[in-house]
Amino acid sequence: DGNAVKIYTEKIKADALQKALAQYSNLGIVHCSGYINFRSKPDSNNLTSIMGMLRNGAAVNIVELNPNGADGWAHVTSGGMDGYISSKYLLTGKDAVQAASTLIQPHATVLADKLRIRSAPEQAEGNTVGSAAAGEKYQILGHAGANWLMIRPDNIDRLDVAYMSALPENVSIDYGFDEARSLNLRQKVLNMYDNLGISLAGDYINIRSSAKEDGIANIVGKLPGFGGCSILGEENGWYKIKSGNVTGYVRADLL
């Protein structure tokens, strides 16, 4: 009956909570109004030390409080990264465990070195909206068929829902908590390209509708100097590329 189902569901969640907590030798839960910076060193005045962020409710494993005399800081690991956060935004001990009991949700942990986040549950040109790094965790909102997960893309402002591969070589799925997100923007951008091309031109390269010079008749766009594109193929000294919403051909010697 309904009560039996409720009891069974609560037991599953309780078991999942204990399993999730066992992954942390010294659990900490971020408690803030929005997010806090995750740094490579305990120095709030050094902008270059910011390597990630943690949202309110994110979990960390506390390595040490006030490391090497750095009062007000915590050395932590989270989301596959090792660094420092301000300890004034950190719940510890029983307070952390109590908070964790309300925060546990189904999550996907990224196993692949790079995994694309897409706007639709399909592998198609133009629907890549971001990338996930190994070790990052994403809350699962649902499934889209057997091979795609609907996720909460909290680092992609313009989307409420996004999708990532559900294949076991790409993610592991279990109950867990939010963790740190990397802000290595260079790597995240590079991860969005399977075959990256960079313009060698000082000003721009003409993108053409066919693999030949034909004056202005077949120009469909321009790739700026040092602009990026995805190389889709090669044809008689030309590359077929996609950059932004434009697909066409550019001379291979200019890329």
C-alpha atoms as a PDB file:
ATOM      1  CA  ASP A   1       0.000   0.000   0.000  1.00  0.00           C
ATOM      2  CA  GLY A   2       0.983   3.678   0.055  1.00  0.00           C
ATOM      3  CA  ASN A   3       2.619   3.520   3.491  1.00  0.00           C
ATOM      4  CA  ALA A   4       4.732   0.525   2.505  1.00  0.00           C
ATOM      5  CA  VAL A   5       5.941   2.303  -0.632  1.00  0.00           C
ATOM      6  CA  LYS A   6       6.786   5.413   1.398  1.00  0.00           C
ATOM      7  CA  ILE A   7       8.743   3.391   3.972  1.00  0.00           C
ATOM      8  CA  TYR A   8      10.597   1.531   1.202  1.00  0.00           C
ATOM      9  CA  THR A   9      11.452   4.797  -0.592  1.00  0.00           C
ATOM     10  CA  GLU A  10      12.688   6.407   2.623  1.00  0.00           C
ATOM     11  CA  LYS A  11      14.881   3.369   3.333  1.00  0.00           C
ATOM     12  CA  ILE A  12      16.425   3.557  -0.145  1.00  0.00           C
ATOM     13  CA  LYS A  13      17.200   7.236   0.348  1.00  0.00           C
ATOM     14  CA  ALA A  14      18.604   6.621   3.840  1.00  0.00           C
ATOM     15  CA  ASP A  15      20.864   3.878   2.498  1.00  0.00           C
ATOM     16  CA  ALA A  16      21.938   6.154  -0.356  1.00  0.00           C
ATOM     17  CA  LEU A  17      22.754   8.934   2.126  1.00  0.00           C
ATOM     18  CA  GLN A  18      24.989   6.652   4.174  1.00  0.00           C
ATOM     19  CA  LYS A  19      26.744   5.453   1.025  1.00  0.00           C
ATOM     20  CA  ALA A  20      27.285   9.043  -0.141  1.00  0.00           C
ATOM     21  CA  LEU A  21      28.553  10.186   3.267  1.00  0.00           C
ATOM     22  CA  ALA A  22      31.052   7.317   3.300  1.00  0.00           C
ATOM     23  CA  GLN A  23      32.853   8.965   0.372  1.00  0.00           C
ATOM     24  CA  TYR A  24      33.914  11.848   2.641  1.00  0.00           C
ATOM     25  CA  SER A  25      36.366  11.269   5.477  1.00  0.00           C
ATOM     26  CA  ASN A  26      35.639  14.769   6.828  1.00  0.00           C
ATOM     27  CA  LEU A  27      32.526  16.254   5.241  1.00  0.00           C
ATOM     28  CA  GLY A  28      32.014  19.965   4.778  1.00  0.00           C
ATOM     29  CA  ILE A  29      28.955  21.665   3.257  1.00  0.00           C
ATOM     30  CA  VAL A  30      29.136  25.131   1.709  1.00  0.00           C
ATOM     31  CA  HIS A  31      26.676  27.535   3.322  1.00  0.00           C
ATOM     32  CA  CYS A  32      26.416  30.857   1.475  1.00  0.00           C
ATOM     33  CA  SER A  33      23.925  33.047  -0.391  1.00  0.00           C
ATOM     34  CA  GLY A  34      25.089  32.102  -3.892  1.00  0.00           C
ATOM     35  CA  TYR A  35      28.538  30.678  -4.483  1.00  0.00           C
ATOM     36  CA  ILE A  36      32.103  30.957  -3.191  1.00  0.00           C
ATOM     37  CA  ASN A  37      35.440  30.856  -4.986  1.00  0.00           C
ATOM     38  CA  PHE A  38      37.616  27.762  -4.968  1.00  0.00           C
ATOM     39  CA  ARG A  39      41.284  28.801  -4.964  1.00  0.00           C
ATOM     40  CA  SER A  40      44.681  27.268  -5.609  1.00  0.00           C
ATOM     41  CA  LYS A  41      46.088  29.078  -2.555  1.00  0.00           C
ATOM     42  CA  PRO A  42      44.585  30.640   0.610  1.00  0.00           C
ATOM     43  CA  ASP A  43      44.719  34.226  -0.653  1.00  0.00           C
ATOM     44  CA  SER A  44      41.522  36.209  -1.291  1.00  0.00           C
ATOM     45  CA  ASN A  45      43.482  39.124  -2.810  1.00  0.00           C
ATOM     46  CA  ASN A  46      44.898  37.071  -5.680  1.00  0.00           C
ATOM     47  CA  LEU A  47      42.411  36.797  -8.562  1.00  0.00           C
ATOM     48  CA  THR A  48      44.688  34.397 -10.438  1.00  0.00           C
ATOM     49  CA  SER A  49      44.271  31.851  -7.638  1.00  0.00           C
ATOM     50  CA  ILE A  50      40.572  31.316  -8.496  1.00  0.00           C
ATOM     51  CA  MET A  51      40.260  27.951 -10.231  1.00  0.00           C
ATOM     52  CA  GLY A  52      36.643  27.060  -9.574  1.00  0.00           C
ATOM     53  CA  MET A  53      33.456  27.771  -7.681  1.00  0.00           C
ATOM     54  CA  LEU A  54      31.156  26.028  -5.224  1.00  0.00           C
ATOM     55  CA  ARG A  55      27.442  26.730  -5.026  1.00  0.00           C
ATOM     56  CA  ASN A  56      25.486  26.884  -1.804  1.00  0.00           C
ATOM     57  CA  GLY A  57      24.988  23.299  -0.612  1.00  0.00           C
ATOM     58  CA  ALA A  58      28.044  21.875  -2.371  1.00  0.00           C
ATOM     59  CA  ALA A  59      30.018  19.191  -0.560  1.00  0.00           C
ATOM     60  CA  VAL A  60      33.763  19.096   0.074  1.00  0.00           C
ATOM     61  CA  ASN A  61      36.160  16.786   1.822  1.00  0.00           C
ATOM     62  CA  ILE A  62      38.056  18.780   4.436  1.00  0.00           C
ATOM     63  CA  VAL A  63      41.770  18.004   4.390  1.00  0.00           C
ATOM     64  CA  GLU A  64      42.727  20.581   7.020  1.00  0.00           C
ATOM     65  CA  LEU A  65      41.331  23.679   8.713  1.00  0.00           C
ATOM     66  CA  ASN A  66      43.647  26.695   9.064  1.00  0.00           C
ATOM     67  CA  PRO A  67      46.366  24.967   6.976  1.00  0.00           C
ATOM     68  CA  ASN A  68      49.921  26.085   7.722  1.00  0.00           C
ATOM     69  CA  GLY A  69      48.623  28.870   9.925  1.00  0.00           C
ATOM     70  CA  ALA A  70      46.267  30.299   7.276  1.00  0.00           C
ATOM     71  CA  ASP A  71      43.497  31.320   9.673  1.00  0.00           C
ATOM     72  CA  GLY A  72      39.994  31.374   8.242  1.00  0.00           C
ATOM     73  CA  TRP A  73      40.799  28.967   5.415  1.00  0.00           C
ATOM     74  CA  ALA A  74      40.113  25.309   4.730  1.00  0.00           C
ATOM     75  CA  HIS A  75      42.162  22.998   2.540  1.00  0.00           C
ATOM     76  CA  VAL A  76      39.572  20.857   0.725  1.00  0.00           C
ATOM     77  CA  THR A  77      39.012  18.540  -2.218  1.00  0.00           C
ATOM     78  CA  SER A  78      35.861  18.653  -4.337  1.00  0.00           C
ATOM     79  CA  GLY A  79      34.848  17.964  -7.920  1.00  0.00           C
ATOM     80  CA  GLY A  80      38.192  16.371  -8.753  1.00  0.00           C
ATOM     81  CA  MET A  81      40.110  19.460  -7.588  1.00  0.00           C
ATOM     82  CA  ASP A  82      42.345  20.219  -4.606  1.00  0.00           C
ATOM     83  CA  GLY A  83      42.404  23.753  -3.198  1.00  0.00           C
ATOM     84  CA  TYR A  84      41.258  26.258  -0.599  1.00  0.00           C
ATOM     85  CA  ILE A  85      38.025  27.967   0.446  1.00  0.00           C
ATOM     86  CA  SER A  86      37.063  30.433   3.158  1.00  0.00           C
ATOM     87  CA  SER A  87      36.068  28.414   6.217  1.00  0.00           C
ATOM     88  CA  LYS A  88      33.472  30.980   7.331  1.00  0.00           C
ATOM     89  CA  TYR A  89      31.174  29.590   4.617  1.00  0.00           C
ATOM     90  CA  LEU A  90      31.647  25.978   5.691  1.00  0.00           C
ATOM     91  CA  LEU A  91      29.431  23.747   7.812  1.00  0.00           C
ATOM     92  CA  THR A  92      31.384  20.977   9.518  1.00  0.00           C
ATOM     93  CA  GLY A  93      30.799  17.994  11.800  1.00  0.00           C
ATOM     94  CA  LYS A  94      27.196  17.255  12.805  1.00  0.00           C
ATOM     95  CA  ASP A  95      25.955  20.453  11.139  1.00  0.00           C
ATOM     96  CA  ALA A  96      27.346  19.269   7.793  1.00  0.00           C
ATOM     97  CA  VAL A  97      25.811  15.802   8.129  1.00  0.00           C
ATOM     98  CA  GLN A  98      22.432  17.270   9.070  1.00  0.00           C
ATOM     99  CA  ALA A  99      22.497  19.603   6.057  1.00  0.00           C
ATOM    100  CA  ALA A 100      23.582  16.754   3.784  1.00  0.00           C
ATOM    101  CA  SER A 101      20.446  14.763   4.607  1.00  0.00           C
ATOM    102  CA  THR A 102      18.347  17.406   2.813  1.00  0.00           C
ATOM    103  CA  LEU A 103      20.723  17.867  -0.129  1.00  0.00           C
ATOM    104  CA  ILE A 104      21.235  14.359  -1.479  1.00  0.00           C
ATOM    105  CA  GLN A 105      20.016  13.902  -5.069  1.00  0.00           C
ATOM    106  CA  PRO A 106      20.770  11.605  -8.022  1.00  0.00           C
ATOM    107  CA  HIS A 107      24.017  12.816  -9.600  1.00  0.00           C
ATOM    108  CA  ALA A 108      26.237  11.914 -12.529  1.00  0.00           C
ATOM    109  CA  THR A 109      29.984  11.963 -11.919  1.00  0.00           C
ATOM    110  CA  VAL A 110      31.979  12.615 -15.083  1.00  0.00           C
ATOM    111  CA  LEU A 111      34.515   9.867 -15.869  1.00  0.00           C
ATOM    112  CA  ALA A 112      35.620  10.988 -19.337  1.00  0.00           C
ATOM    113  CA  ASP A 113      38.473  13.474 -19.747  1.00  0.00           C
ATOM    114  CA  LYS A 114      36.026  15.711 -21.593  1.00  0.00           C
ATOM    115  CA  LEU A 115      32.284  15.404 -21.985  1.00  0.00           C
ATOM    116  CA  ARG A 116      30.108  17.768 -23.967  1.00  0.00           C
ATOM    117  CA  ILE A 117      26.973  19.330 -22.541  1.00  0.00           C
ATOM    118  CA  ARG A 118      24.279  19.701 -25.185  1.00  0.00           C
ATOM    119  CA  SER A 119      21.040  21.622 -25.626  1.00  0.00           C
ATOM    120  CA  ALA A 120      19.218  18.517 -26.905  1.00  0.00           C
ATOM    121  CA  PRO A 121      19.576  14.756 -26.297  1.00  0.00           C
ATOM    122  CA  GLU A 122      21.426  14.047 -29.523  1.00  0.00           C
ATOM    123  CA  GLN A 123      24.917  14.317 -30.950  1.00  0.00           C
ATOM    124  CA  ALA A 124      24.450  16.996 -33.582  1.00  0.00           C
ATOM    125  CA  GLU A 125      26.342  19.952 -34.998  1.00  0.00           C
ATOM    126  CA  GLY A 126      25.640  23.208 -33.212  1.00  0.00           C
ATOM    127  CA  ASN A 127      24.030  21.865 -30.032  1.00  0.00           C
ATOM    128  CA  THR A 128      27.148  21.884 -27.824  1.00  0.00           C
ATOM    129  CA  VAL A 129      26.626  24.481 -25.089  1.00  0.00           C
ATOM    130  CA  GLY A 130      29.416  23.580 -22.688  1.00  0.00           C
ATOM    131  CA  SER A 131      31.735  20.875 -21.460  1.00  0.00           C
ATOM    132  CA  ALA A 132      32.195  18.944 -18.231  1.00  0.00           C
ATOM    133  CA  ALA A 133      35.543  17.980 -16.736  1.00  0.00           C
ATOM    134  CA  ALA A 134      36.478  14.638 -15.200  1.00  0.00           C
ATOM    135  CA  GLY A 135      35.390  14.460 -11.559  1.00  0.00           C
ATOM    136  CA  GLU A 136      32.620  17.063 -11.822  1.00  0.00           C
ATOM    137  CA  LYS A 137      29.170  16.100 -10.528  1.00  0.00           C
ATOM    138  CA  TYR A 138      25.859  17.136 -12.110  1.00  0.00           C
ATOM    139  CA  GLN A 139      22.395  16.745 -10.644  1.00  0.00           C
ATOM    140  CA  ILE A 140      20.234  14.421 -12.736  1.00  0.00           C
ATOM    141  CA  LEU A 141      16.756  15.752 -13.495  1.00  0.00           C
ATOM    142  CA  GLY A 142      15.677  12.782 -15.596  1.00  0.00           C
ATOM    143  CA  HIS A 143      16.516  10.533 -18.537  1.00  0.00           C
ATOM    144  CA  ALA A 144      16.006  11.143 -22.247  1.00  0.00           C
ATOM    145  CA  GLY A 145      15.986   7.668 -23.697  1.00  0.00           C
ATOM    146  CA  ALA A 146      18.603   5.098 -22.766  1.00  0.00           C
ATOM    147  CA  ASN A 147      21.683   7.102 -23.732  1.00  0.00           C
ATOM    148  CA  TRP A 148      21.087  10.639 -22.423  1.00  0.00           C
ATOM    149  CA  LEU A 149      20.762  12.310 -19.042  1.00  0.00           C
ATOM    150  CA  MET A 150      18.790  15.476 -18.413  1.00  0.00           C
ATOM    151  CA  ILE A 151      20.958  17.538 -16.060  1.00  0.00           C
ATOM    152  CA  ARG A 152      20.931  20.787 -14.152  1.00  0.00           C
ATOM    153  CA  PRO A 153      23.511  22.946 -15.979  1.00  0.00           C
ATOM    154  CA  ASP A 154      24.120  25.435 -13.188  1.00  0.00           C
ATOM    155  CA  ASN A 155      27.206  26.884 -14.883  1.00  0.00           C
ATOM    156  CA  ILE A 156      25.352  27.682 -18.132  1.00  0.00           C
ATOM    157  CA  ASP A 157      23.237  30.751 -17.446  1.00  0.00           C
ATOM    158  CA  ARG A 158      20.969  30.652 -20.469  1.00  0.00           C
ATOM    159  CA  LEU A 159      19.683  27.094 -19.964  1.00  0.00           C
ATOM    160  CA  ASP A 160      17.535  25.574 -17.239  1.00  0.00           C
ATOM    161  CA  VAL A 161      18.025  22.043 -18.570  1.00  0.00           C
ATOM    162  CA  ALA A 162      20.793  20.445 -20.613  1.00  0.00           C
ATOM    163  CA  TYR A 163      21.883  16.955 -21.623  1.00  0.00           C
ATOM    164  CA  MET A 164      24.939  14.740 -21.374  1.00  0.00           C
ATOM    165  CA  SER A 165      25.782  11.194 -22.377  1.00  0.00           C
ATOM    166  CA  ALA A 166      24.600   8.442 -20.024  1.00  0.00           C
ATOM    167  CA  LEU A 167      27.049   5.853 -21.381  1.00  0.00           C
ATOM    168  CA  PRO A 168      28.898   4.064 -18.546  1.00  0.00           C
ATOM    169  CA  GLU A 169      32.322   4.941 -19.961  1.00  0.00           C
ATOM    170  CA  ASN A 170      31.398   8.639 -19.672  1.00  0.00           C
ATOM    171  CA  VAL A 171      29.599   8.906 -16.315  1.00  0.00           C
ATOM    172  CA  SER A 172      28.818   6.994 -13.153  1.00  0.00           C
ATOM    173  CA  ILE A 173      25.355   7.486 -11.658  1.00  0.00           C
ATOM    174  CA  ASP A 174      24.512   7.439  -7.973  1.00  0.00           C
ATOM    175  CA  TYR A 175      23.034   9.532  -5.198  1.00  0.00           C
ATOM    176  CA  GLY A 176      25.348  12.302  -4.091  1.00  0.00           C
ATOM    177  CA  PHE A 177      25.904  16.022  -3.610  1.00  0.00           C
ATOM    178  CA  ASP A 178      26.895  18.993  -5.724  1.00  0.00           C
ATOM    179  CA  GLU A 179      30.631  19.617  -5.729  1.00  0.00           C
ATOM    180  CA  ALA A 180      33.073  22.173  -7.131  1.00  0.00           C
ATOM    181  CA  ARG A 181      33.011  23.325 -10.750  1.00  0.00           C
ATOM    182  CA  SER A 182      36.220  24.085 -12.617  1.00  0.00           C
ATOM    183  CA  LEU A 183      36.695  27.587 -14.045  1.00  0.00           C
ATOM    184  CA  ASN A 184      39.475  26.515 -16.391  1.00  0.00           C
ATOM    185  CA  LEU A 185      37.778  28.324 -19.275  1.00  0.00           C
ATOM    186  CA  ARG A 186      40.604  27.626 -21.723  1.00  0.00           C
ATOM    187  CA  GLN A 187      40.262  23.877 -21.251  1.00  0.00           C
ATOM    188  CA  LYS A 188      36.466  24.007 -21.329  1.00  0.00           C
ATOM    189  CA  VAL A 189      36.550  25.858 -24.660  1.00  0.00           C
ATOM    190  CA  LEU A 190      39.086  23.423 -26.139  1.00  0.00           C
ATOM    191  CA  ASN A 191      36.936  20.504 -24.989  1.00  0.00           C
ATOM    192  CA  MET A 192      34.089  21.764 -27.177  1.00  0.00           C
ATOM    193  CA  TYR A 193      36.033  20.958 -30.363  1.00  0.00           C
ATOM    194  CA  ASP A 194      36.745  17.466 -31.701  1.00  0.00           C
ATOM    195  CA  ASN A 195      39.089  18.887 -34.357  1.00  0.00           C
ATOM    196  CA  LEU A 196      40.008  22.511 -33.661  1.00  0.00           C
ATOM    197  CA  GLY A 197      41.190  24.878 -36.368  1.00  0.00           C
ATOM    198  CA  ILE A 198      42.600  28.398 -35.836  1.00  0.00           C
ATOM    199  CA  SER A 199      42.736  31.092 -38.510  1.00  0.00           C
ATOM    200  CA  LEU A 200      46.281  32.155 -39.451  1.00  0.00           C
ATOM    201  CA  ALA A 201      45.092  35.325 -41.159  1.00  0.00           C
ATOM    202  CA  GLY A 202      45.941  38.746 -39.803  1.00  0.00           C
ATOM    203  CA  ASP A 203      42.469  40.071 -40.603  1.00  0.00           C
ATOM    204  CA  TYR A 204      40.007  37.413 -41.831  1.00  0.00           C
ATOM    205  CA  ILE A 205      39.489  34.370 -44.065  1.00  0.00           C
ATOM    206  CA  ASN A 206      36.575  34.084 -46.467  1.00  0.00           C
ATOM    207  CA  ILE A 207      34.281  31.141 -45.776  1.00  0.00           C
ATOM    208  CA  ARG A 208      32.848  29.816 -49.035  1.00  0.00           C
ATOM    209  CA  SER A 209      29.891  27.624 -49.939  1.00  0.00           C
ATOM    210  CA  SER A 210      32.080  25.408 -52.128  1.00  0.00           C
ATOM    211  CA  ALA A 211      35.736  24.352 -52.147  1.00  0.00           C
ATOM    212  CA  LYS A 212      36.905  26.835 -54.768  1.00  0.00           C
ATOM    213  CA  GLU A 213      37.706  30.507 -55.333  1.00  0.00           C
ATOM    214  CA  ASP A 214      34.757  32.163 -57.072  1.00  0.00           C
ATOM    215  CA  GLY A 215      35.121  35.871 -56.372  1.00  0.00           C
ATOM    216  CA  ILE A 216      32.422  37.095 -54.013  1.00  0.00           C
ATOM    217  CA  ALA A 217      29.758  34.783 -55.439  1.00  0.00           C
ATOM    218  CA  ASN A 218      30.320  31.892 -53.030  1.00  0.00           C
ATOM    219  CA  ILE A 219      31.357  33.796 -49.873  1.00  0.00           C
ATOM    220  CA  VAL A 220      28.983  32.888 -47.028  1.00  0.00           C
ATOM    221  CA  GLY A 221      30.915  34.280 -44.069  1.00  0.00           C
ATOM    222  CA  LYS A 222      34.234  35.414 -42.654  1.00  0.00           C
ATOM    223  CA  LEU A 223      36.494  33.795 -40.054  1.00  0.00           C
ATOM    224  CA  PRO A 224      38.421  36.506 -38.166  1.00  0.00           C
ATOM    225  CA  GLY A 225      42.151  36.352 -37.580  1.00  0.00           C
ATOM    226  CA  PHE A 226      42.983  33.750 -34.911  1.00  0.00           C
ATOM    227  CA  GLY A 227      39.295  32.786 -34.824  1.00  0.00           C
ATOM    228  CA  GLY A 228      38.352  29.211 -33.970  1.00  0.00           C
ATOM    229  CA  CYS A 229      36.345  26.638 -35.891  1.00  0.00           C
ATOM    230  CA  SER A 230      35.570  22.936 -36.044  1.00  0.00           C
ATOM    231  CA  ILE A 231      37.211  21.136 -38.970  1.00  0.00           C
ATOM    232  CA  LEU A 232      34.630  18.781 -40.467  1.00  0.00           C
ATOM    233  CA  GLY A 233      36.616  17.434 -43.412  1.00  0.00           C
ATOM    234  CA  GLU A 234      39.191  18.097 -46.143  1.00  0.00           C
ATOM    235  CA  GLU A 235      38.733  18.420 -49.897  1.00  0.00           C
ATOM    236  CA  ASN A 236      41.421  19.262 -52.484  1.00  0.00           C
ATOM    237  CA  GLY A 237      43.359  21.758 -50.376  1.00  0.00           C
ATOM    238  CA  TRP A 238      40.287  23.111 -48.601  1.00  0.00           C
ATOM    239  CA  TYR A 239      38.871  22.453 -45.142  1.00  0.00           C
ATOM    240  CA  LYS A 240      35.159  22.171 -44.538  1.00  0.00           C
ATOM    241  CA  ILE A 241      34.539  24.001 -41.266  1.00  0.00           C
ATOM    242  CA  LYS A 242      31.840  25.182 -38.908  1.00  0.00           C
ATOM    243  CA  SER A 243      32.258  28.378 -36.906  1.00  0.00           C
ATOM    244  CA  GLY A 244      29.309  29.818 -35.033  1.00  0.00           C
ATOM    245  CA  ASN A 245      26.279  29.295 -37.267  1.00  0.00           C
ATOM    246  CA  VAL A 246      28.296  29.279 -40.510  1.00  0.00           C
ATOM    247  CA  THR A 247      29.356  26.092 -42.312  1.00  0.00           C
ATOM    248  CA  GLY A 248      31.528  26.255 -45.406  1.00  0.00           C
ATOM    249  CA  TYR A 249      35.013  25.935 -46.861  1.00  0.00           C
ATOM    250  CA  VAL A 250      38.297  27.759 -46.238  1.00  0.00           C
ATOM    251  CA  ARG A 251      41.713  27.339 -47.817  1.00  0.00           C
ATOM    252  CA  ALA A 252      43.712  24.789 -45.836  1.00  0.00           C
ATOM    253  CA  ASP A 253      46.913  26.868 -45.988  1.00  0.00           C
ATOM    254  CA  LEU A 254      45.175  29.664 -44.059  1.00  0.00           C
ATOM    255  CA  LEU A 255      44.127  27.458 -41.142  1.00  0.00           C
END
